[in-house]
Protein backbone atom coordinates (compact mmCIF):
# COMPACT_ATOMS: atom_id res chain seq x y z
CA MET A 1 31.69 -41.16 -70.40
CA GLY A 2 29.97 -44.01 -70.67
CA LEU A 3 25.62 -44.81 -70.46
CA ILE A 4 25.96 -45.63 -66.74
CA LYS A 5 27.49 -42.55 -66.35
CA ARG A 6 25.11 -40.41 -67.38
CA ILE A 7 22.20 -42.07 -66.35
CA THR A 8 23.62 -41.55 -62.62
CA ARG A 9 24.85 -37.98 -63.37
CA SER A 10 21.40 -37.58 -63.85
CA ARG A 11 20.52 -34.53 -61.52
CA ALA A 12 16.63 -36.57 -60.90
CA VAL A 13 18.38 -40.13 -60.22
CA GLN A 14 20.96 -38.23 -58.46
CA GLU A 15 17.61 -37.04 -56.43
CA ALA A 16 15.89 -41.01 -56.32
CA ILE A 17 19.40 -42.05 -55.42
CA GLY A 18 19.75 -40.16 -52.41
CA PHE A 19 16.09 -40.27 -51.37
CA LEU A 20 16.38 -43.75 -51.22
CA VAL A 21 19.35 -44.10 -49.93
CA ALA A 22 18.07 -41.34 -46.67
CA GLY A 23 14.82 -43.33 -46.06
CA TYR A 24 17.46 -46.59 -45.40
CA LEU A 25 18.97 -45.23 -42.98
CA LYS A 26 15.99 -44.12 -40.92
CA LEU A 27 14.79 -47.94 -41.22
CA VAL A 28 17.95 -49.12 -40.03
CA GLN A 29 17.49 -46.30 -37.04
CA ARG A 30 14.66 -47.04 -36.30
CA THR A 31 14.84 -51.07 -35.90
CA SER A 32 17.96 -50.71 -34.29
CA ARG A 33 18.17 -50.25 -30.20
CA PHE A 34 21.60 -48.13 -29.74
CA VAL A 35 23.15 -47.75 -26.69
CA MET A 36 25.19 -44.65 -26.01
CA GLU A 37 28.25 -45.15 -24.11
CA PRO A 38 29.01 -42.61 -22.50
CA ALA A 39 25.66 -42.51 -21.51
CA ASP A 40 25.90 -38.61 -20.37
CA ALA A 41 27.74 -37.18 -23.96
CA TYR A 42 25.88 -34.38 -24.71
CA ASP A 43 25.58 -33.55 -20.83
CA ARG A 44 29.33 -33.51 -21.41
CA ILE A 45 30.53 -31.34 -24.36
CA GLU A 46 29.36 -27.71 -25.25
CA MET A 47 28.01 -27.22 -29.43
CA PRO A 48 28.88 -26.98 -31.25
CA VAL A 49 31.86 -29.34 -31.76
CA ILE A 50 34.03 -30.83 -34.95
CA ALA A 51 32.49 -34.46 -34.72
CA ALA A 52 35.62 -36.13 -35.77
CA MET A 53 35.40 -39.42 -38.00
CA TRP A 54 37.39 -42.11 -39.99
CA HIS A 55 36.45 -42.78 -43.49
CA GLY A 56 33.84 -45.62 -43.52
CA GLN A 57 32.05 -44.41 -41.54
CA HIS A 58 29.58 -41.64 -43.86
CA PHE A 59 27.10 -43.89 -44.25
CA MET A 60 26.18 -44.54 -39.81
CA ILE A 61 27.72 -41.33 -38.90
CA HIS A 62 24.48 -39.17 -38.86
CA PHE A 63 22.74 -41.42 -36.09
CA ALA A 64 24.78 -39.54 -33.50
CA LYS A 65 22.98 -36.85 -34.23
CA ARG A 66 20.04 -35.40 -31.83
CA PRO A 67 16.73 -33.99 -33.15
CA GLN A 68 18.11 -30.30 -31.78
CA ASP A 69 21.50 -30.43 -32.88
CA ARG A 70 21.69 -27.96 -36.18
CA ALA A 71 25.09 -30.06 -38.42
CA ALA A 72 26.72 -29.53 -41.64
CA SER A 73 28.74 -31.76 -43.52
CA LEU A 74 32.14 -32.25 -45.18
CA VAL A 75 31.47 -33.99 -48.50
CA SER A 76 34.21 -34.07 -51.87
CA ARG A 77 32.98 -32.46 -54.71
CA SER A 78 33.24 -35.62 -56.54
CA GLY A 79 30.36 -38.01 -58.07
CA ASP A 80 29.88 -40.20 -55.19
CA GLY A 81 29.54 -36.74 -53.00
CA GLU A 82 26.99 -35.77 -55.20
CA PHE A 83 25.09 -38.98 -53.94
CA ASN A 84 25.88 -38.45 -49.46
CA ALA A 85 24.98 -34.58 -50.20
CA ILE A 86 21.07 -35.40 -51.14
CA ALA A 87 21.15 -38.14 -48.56
CA LEU A 88 22.30 -36.25 -46.04
CA ARG A 89 20.05 -32.81 -46.90
CA HIS A 90 16.99 -35.86 -46.28
CA LEU A 91 18.87 -36.54 -43.18
CA GLY A 92 18.55 -33.37 -41.54
CA VAL A 93 22.08 -32.77 -42.30
CA ARG A 94 23.22 -29.16 -44.41
CA ALA A 95 26.27 -30.42 -47.06
CA ILE A 96 29.13 -27.87 -47.48
CA ARG A 97 31.17 -29.46 -50.48
CA GLY A 98 34.93 -29.42 -50.54
CA SER A 99 37.27 -31.67 -50.02
CA GLY A 100 41.93 -31.12 -49.39
CA ALA A 101 43.97 -31.28 -52.44
CA ARG A 102 47.02 -32.98 -51.31
CA GLY A 103 49.06 -31.83 -54.17
CA ARG A 104 46.60 -31.39 -56.28
CA ASP A 105 44.58 -28.39 -57.26
CA ILE A 106 42.92 -26.97 -54.21
CA ARG A 107 40.98 -24.88 -55.71
CA LYS A 108 39.33 -27.72 -57.95
CA LYS A 109 39.21 -29.96 -54.68
CA GLY A 110 36.94 -26.48 -53.30
CA GLY A 111 39.57 -27.08 -49.66
CA ALA A 112 39.62 -23.61 -49.19
CA GLN A 113 36.35 -22.34 -49.89
CA ALA A 114 35.26 -25.38 -48.17
CA LEU A 115 36.74 -24.67 -44.89
CA ARG A 116 35.87 -20.89 -44.93
CA ALA A 117 32.67 -22.86 -44.43
CA MET A 118 32.26 -24.75 -41.91
CA LEU A 119 34.77 -21.83 -39.69
CA ARG A 120 31.31 -19.83 -40.39
CA ALA A 121 28.38 -23.27 -39.87
CA LEU A 122 30.38 -23.27 -35.84
CA SER A 123 31.14 -19.75 -35.30
CA GLU A 124 26.56 -19.99 -35.89
CA GLY A 125 26.12 -22.45 -33.38
CA GLU A 126 26.13 -25.33 -36.13
CA MET A 127 28.12 -28.26 -35.09
CA VAL A 128 30.78 -29.75 -38.14
CA VAL A 129 30.90 -32.95 -39.12
CA MET A 130 34.68 -34.46 -40.90
CA THR A 131 36.44 -37.62 -41.71
CA ALA A 132 40.15 -36.67 -39.59
CA ASP A 133 42.24 -39.16 -41.99
CA ILE A 134 43.06 -38.68 -45.68
CA PRO A 135 42.03 -40.53 -48.27
CA LYS A 136 43.18 -43.55 -49.20
CA ILE A 137 45.21 -43.10 -46.27
CA SER A 138 42.59 -45.26 -43.37
CA ARG A 139 43.06 -44.64 -40.32
CA VAL A 140 45.54 -41.74 -40.38
CA CYS A 141 44.76 -38.79 -38.75
CA GLY A 142 45.51 -36.06 -41.03
CA LEU A 143 46.01 -31.87 -39.55
CA GLY A 144 43.02 -30.33 -41.82
CA ILE A 145 40.39 -31.17 -38.51
CA VAL A 146 43.20 -30.09 -36.28
CA THR A 147 43.76 -26.48 -38.96
CA LEU A 148 39.58 -25.99 -38.15
CA ALA A 149 39.92 -26.65 -34.66
CA GLN A 150 42.23 -24.53 -34.05
CA LEU A 151 41.08 -22.14 -35.32
CA SER A 152 37.74 -21.36 -34.65
CA GLY A 153 38.26 -22.52 -30.87
CA ARG A 154 35.64 -25.40 -30.51
CA PRO A 155 36.34 -29.16 -29.42
CA ILE A 156 37.28 -32.39 -31.70
CA VAL A 157 34.50 -35.06 -30.11
CA PRO A 158 35.89 -38.56 -32.15
CA VAL A 159 32.54 -40.68 -32.85
CA ALA A 160 31.96 -44.27 -33.59
CA VAL A 161 28.26 -45.94 -34.55
CA VAL A 162 28.21 -49.83 -34.93
CA THR A 163 25.24 -51.92 -35.37
CA SER A 164 25.22 -55.61 -34.54
CA ARG A 165 23.91 -56.51 -38.58
CA ARG A 166 25.93 -54.63 -41.21
CA ILE A 167 27.42 -55.44 -44.20
CA ASP A 168 31.66 -54.50 -44.16
CA PHE A 169 32.82 -53.16 -47.81
CA ASN A 170 36.00 -54.49 -48.21
CA SER A 171 37.17 -51.15 -49.22
CA TRP A 172 40.48 -48.79 -48.73
CA ASP A 173 38.16 -47.26 -46.48
CA ARG A 174 36.32 -49.94 -44.59
CA ALA A 175 32.90 -48.60 -45.31
CA SER A 176 30.14 -50.02 -43.58
CA ILE A 177 26.26 -49.51 -43.51
CA GLY A 178 23.95 -50.89 -41.09
CA LEU A 179 20.99 -53.11 -41.69
CA PRO A 180 18.05 -53.59 -39.71
CA PHE A 181 16.69 -55.45 -36.22
CA GLY A 182 19.86 -55.16 -34.77
CA ARG A 183 21.48 -53.09 -32.08
CA GLY A 184 23.48 -49.87 -32.04
CA ALA A 185 26.19 -48.39 -30.44
CA ILE A 186 27.07 -44.71 -30.56
CA VAL A 187 30.51 -43.90 -28.96
CA LEU A 188 31.45 -40.76 -28.07
CA GLY A 189 35.37 -39.58 -27.39
CA GLU A 190 36.75 -37.21 -24.66
CA PRO A 191 36.96 -33.54 -26.19
CA VAL A 192 40.54 -32.82 -27.70
CA PRO A 193 40.65 -28.60 -27.61
CA VAL A 194 43.51 -26.74 -29.90
CA PRO A 195 44.57 -24.25 -28.17
CA ARG A 196 44.96 -20.92 -30.70
CA ASP A 197 48.83 -20.47 -30.17
CA ALA A 198 49.50 -23.86 -30.57
CA ASP A 199 52.60 -24.55 -32.01
CA GLU A 200 53.97 -27.18 -34.89
CA GLN A 201 54.91 -29.46 -32.12
CA ALA A 202 51.58 -29.76 -29.96
CA LEU A 203 49.40 -29.54 -32.66
CA GLU A 204 51.07 -32.94 -34.22
CA ARG A 205 51.17 -34.38 -30.69
CA LEU A 206 47.43 -33.22 -31.03
CA ARG A 207 46.35 -34.95 -34.31
CA GLN A 208 48.00 -38.05 -32.94
CA SER A 209 45.05 -37.38 -29.74
CA VAL A 210 42.48 -37.68 -32.30
CA GLU A 211 44.30 -40.57 -33.48
CA ARG A 212 44.03 -42.47 -30.73
CA GLU A 213 40.56 -41.98 -29.41
CA LEU A 214 38.81 -42.15 -32.91
CA ASP A 215 40.91 -45.88 -32.80
CA ARG A 216 39.22 -46.10 -29.51
CA VAL A 217 35.99 -45.07 -30.22
CA HIS A 218 35.70 -47.69 -32.86
CA GLU A 219 37.73 -50.19 -30.53
CA ARG A 220 34.90 -50.28 -27.77
CA ALA A 221 31.70 -49.17 -29.88
CA TYR A 222 32.48 -52.04 -32.66
CA ALA A 223 33.37 -54.66 -28.65
CA LEU A 224 29.16 -53.35 -27.28
CA VAL A 225 28.11 -55.00 -30.62
CA GLY A 226 30.02 -58.06 -29.63
CA SER A 227 32.52 -57.81 -33.18
CA ARG A 228 35.62 -56.53 -33.87
CA ASP A 229 36.15 -53.85 -36.28
CA PRO A 230 37.91 -55.03 -39.29
CA GLY A 231 39.92 -52.16 -39.78
CA ALA A 232 41.75 -51.69 -36.57
CA LYS A 233 45.25 -51.47 -36.64
CA ALA A 234 47.37 -54.19 -35.94
CA THR A 235 48.58 -53.79 -32.76
CA PRO A 236 52.87 -54.55 -32.75
CA MET A 237 54.56 -57.69 -30.90
CA LEU A 238 56.61 -57.54 -28.35
CA ALA A 239 59.86 -59.56 -27.84
CA GLY A 240 58.34 -62.95 -26.46
CA GLY A 241 55.59 -63.81 -29.20
CA SER A 242 53.32 -61.20 -26.40
CA ARG A 243 51.70 -58.00 -27.26
CA ALA A 244 52.00 -54.41 -27.24
């Protein structure tokens, strides 16, 4: 293991980095003027819900949480996940460690344990925040979040948070982090309930509904701050050169 890795895996260093990241995000939140759409979004949903986000929104998503809402977020067991978990703690969000295996050892990834923890959190009135897409496959919703909704009986609410002043990283997940002194938009989508008796075909339809609604709220959030979503999916061309 290299020197840099040994240093960054030190608990003291991880705590310091997580604290600094949280402090920076609080500064962005305090100095940005946010609008929420719809304005009565929280009046239209009954807590707790499963807040769905695309990968890349992990820096920004907590801006959508109200101070009175208890929340837990699914965070991977990776080294980067440790920084995120510490930062979330300082932002008032509890971390549930684990992720889907996608062909790898599910025990190592902690997916089954994390699922049980998320079900327990929802049953105790705690909102769960979760990325909907599969790692390394950006903006394609997996069945994991739909399964959680089916087992818990709680709806999925797609969420997007964007600021006019930000850094967009050239990463697979198009990660974005806001800069201070800008405008911001928080867009909540239509809740997607998943019946407990949904069959395989119904789950696939609902998975597609979550994916479409996440794409829509992201497009709308970027539009509200006068930008274009850099991670938006290409619109297919129709005959004659027009777009669908």
